[in-house]
C-alpha atoms as a PDB file:
ATOM      1  CA  MET A   1      61.651  66.934 146.091  1.00  0.00           C
ATOM      2  CA  GLY A   2      61.200  64.107 143.624  1.00  0.00           C
ATOM      3  CA  LYS A   3      63.303  61.057 142.891  1.00  0.00           C
ATOM      4  CA  ARG A   4      65.243  60.770 146.115  1.00  0.00           C
ATOM      5  CA  THR A   5      62.241  61.027 148.447  1.00  0.00           C
ATOM      6  CA  GLY A   6      59.601  59.721 146.082  1.00  0.00           C
ATOM      7  CA  LEU A   7      57.290  62.594 146.988  1.00  0.00           C
ATOM      8  CA  VAL A   8      56.533  65.450 144.624  1.00  0.00           C
ATOM      9  CA  CYS A   9      55.032  68.410 146.465  1.00  0.00           C
ATOM     10  CA  ILE A  10      52.670  70.751 144.673  1.00  0.00           C
ATOM     11  CA  LEU A  11      52.832  74.328 145.907  1.00  0.00           C
ATOM     12  CA  LYS A  12      50.774  77.330 144.849  1.00  0.00           C
ATOM     13  CA  VAL A  13      52.625  80.631 145.135  1.00  0.00           C
ATOM     14  CA  LEU A  14      50.325  83.225 146.698  1.00  0.00           C
ATOM     15  CA  ALA A  15      52.725  86.165 146.591  1.00  0.00           C
ATOM     16  CA  VAL A  16      56.297  86.912 145.551  1.00  0.00           C
ATOM     17  CA  THR A  17      58.481  88.906 147.897  1.00  0.00           C
ATOM     18  CA  PRO A  18      61.256  91.223 146.717  1.00  0.00           C
ATOM     19  CA  ASN A  19      63.493  90.268 149.657  1.00  0.00           C
ATOM     20  CA  ARG A  20      64.715  87.148 151.356  1.00  0.00           C
ATOM     21  CA  MET A  21      62.757  85.993 154.384  1.00  0.00           C
ATOM     22  CA  GLY A  22      62.942  83.555 157.232  1.00  0.00           C
ATOM     23  CA  ALA A  23      61.645  80.012 156.815  1.00  0.00           C
ATOM     24  CA  LYS A  24      58.850  80.645 159.314  1.00  0.00           C
ATOM     25  CA  MET A  25      57.297  83.215 156.952  1.00  0.00           C
ATOM     26  CA  VAL A  26      57.186  80.918 153.899  1.00  0.00           C
ATOM     27  CA  PRO A  27      53.745  79.398 154.686  1.00  0.00           C
ATOM     28  CA  ASP A  28      52.277  82.918 154.434  1.00  0.00           C
ATOM     29  CA  PHE A  29      53.331  83.098 150.783  1.00  0.00           C
ATOM     30  CA  CYS A  30      52.513  79.613 149.487  1.00  0.00           C
ATOM     31  CA  GLN A  31      49.835  76.942 149.769  1.00  0.00           C
ATOM     32  CA  ASP A  32      50.516  73.199 149.776  1.00  0.00           C
ATOM     33  CA  LEU A  33      48.266  71.432 147.242  1.00  0.00           C
ATOM     34  CA  THR A  34      49.904  67.996 147.514  1.00  0.00           C
ATOM     35  CA  PRO A  35      47.171  65.318 147.558  1.00  0.00           C
ATOM     36  CA  ASP A  36      46.719  63.595 150.920  1.00  0.00           C
ATOM     37  CA  ALA A  37      46.942  60.197 149.201  1.00  0.00           C
ATOM     38  CA  ASP A  38      50.467  61.007 147.962  1.00  0.00           C
ATOM     39  CA  ILE A  39      51.564  62.081 151.443  1.00  0.00           C
ATOM     40  CA  GLU A  40      50.132  58.906 153.011  1.00  0.00           C
ATOM     41  CA  ALA A  41      51.861  56.738 150.384  1.00  0.00           C
ATOM     42  CA  TYR A  42      55.156  58.489 151.167  1.00  0.00           C
ATOM     43  CA  LYS A  43      54.697  57.921 154.904  1.00  0.00           C
ATOM     44  CA  ALA A  44      53.947  54.235 154.242  1.00  0.00           C
ATOM     45  CA  ARG A  45      57.184  53.878 152.233  1.00  0.00           C
ATOM     46  CA  ILE A  46      59.165  55.518 155.037  1.00  0.00           C
ATOM     47  CA  ALA A  47      57.589  53.167 157.590  1.00  0.00           C
ATOM     48  CA  LYS A  48      58.519  50.143 155.437  1.00  0.00           C
ATOM     49  CA  ALA A  49      62.121  51.329 155.208  1.00  0.00           C
ATOM     50  CA  ALA A  50      62.375  51.439 159.002  1.00  0.00           C
ATOM     51  CA  ILE A  51      61.402  47.756 159.193  1.00  0.00           C
ATOM     52  CA  TYR A  52      64.556  46.528 157.458  1.00  0.00           C
ATOM     53  CA  ARG A  53      66.988  47.720 160.154  1.00  0.00           C
ATOM     54  CA  LEU A  54      66.828  46.768 163.766  1.00  0.00           C
ATOM     55  CA  PRO A  55      66.601  49.729 166.131  1.00  0.00           C
ATOM     56  CA  GLY A  56      69.973  50.519 167.642  1.00  0.00           C
ATOM     57  CA  SER A  57      71.900  48.592 164.983  1.00  0.00           C
ATOM     58  CA  GLY A  58      73.697  51.730 163.889  1.00  0.00           C
ATOM     59  CA  ARG A  59      73.889  53.663 160.692  1.00  0.00           C
ATOM     60  CA  PRO A  60      73.773  51.660 157.441  1.00  0.00           C
ATOM     61  CA  THR A  61      76.947  51.411 155.412  1.00  0.00           C
ATOM     62  CA  LYS A  62      77.124  52.931 151.951  1.00  0.00           C
ATOM     63  CA  PHE A  63      76.696  49.450 150.432  1.00  0.00           C
ATOM     64  CA  GLU A  64      73.647  48.694 152.604  1.00  0.00           C
ATOM     65  CA  ARG A  65      72.071  52.056 151.824  1.00  0.00           C
ATOM     66  CA  ARG A  66      72.481  51.569 148.076  1.00  0.00           C
ATOM     67  CA  ALA A  67      71.084  48.043 148.283  1.00  0.00           C
ATOM     68  CA  LEU A  68      68.095  49.326 150.253  1.00  0.00           C
ATOM     69  CA  ASP A  69      67.525  52.165 147.767  1.00  0.00           C
ATOM     70  CA  ASP A  70      67.600  49.673 144.870  1.00  0.00           C
ATOM     71  CA  PHE A  71      65.194  47.388 146.699  1.00  0.00           C
ATOM     72  CA  MET A  72      62.752  50.225 147.424  1.00  0.00           C
ATOM     73  CA  ASP A  73      62.923  51.385 143.786  1.00  0.00           C
ATOM     74  CA  ASP A  74      62.015  47.874 142.650  1.00  0.00           C
ATOM     75  CA  LEU A  75      58.915  47.917 144.868  1.00  0.00           C
ATOM     76  CA  GLU A  76      57.532  50.959 143.046  1.00  0.00           C
END
């Protein structure tokens, strides 16, 4: 994931399959090792972002989204 979401997931591959598979089977082949503190910090950032727009005020414009992204980057 990384820069856009601000969350870097750490996965341990348990097995490699020779064929493609459905998304529901992926958890059988990998283990999520992402620290709980990182996940909680990500959830806190998402909750902060929701504060800046009033519910029902519509989708942000491109300008507003970029300004919000810049603002959130400055907080980190």
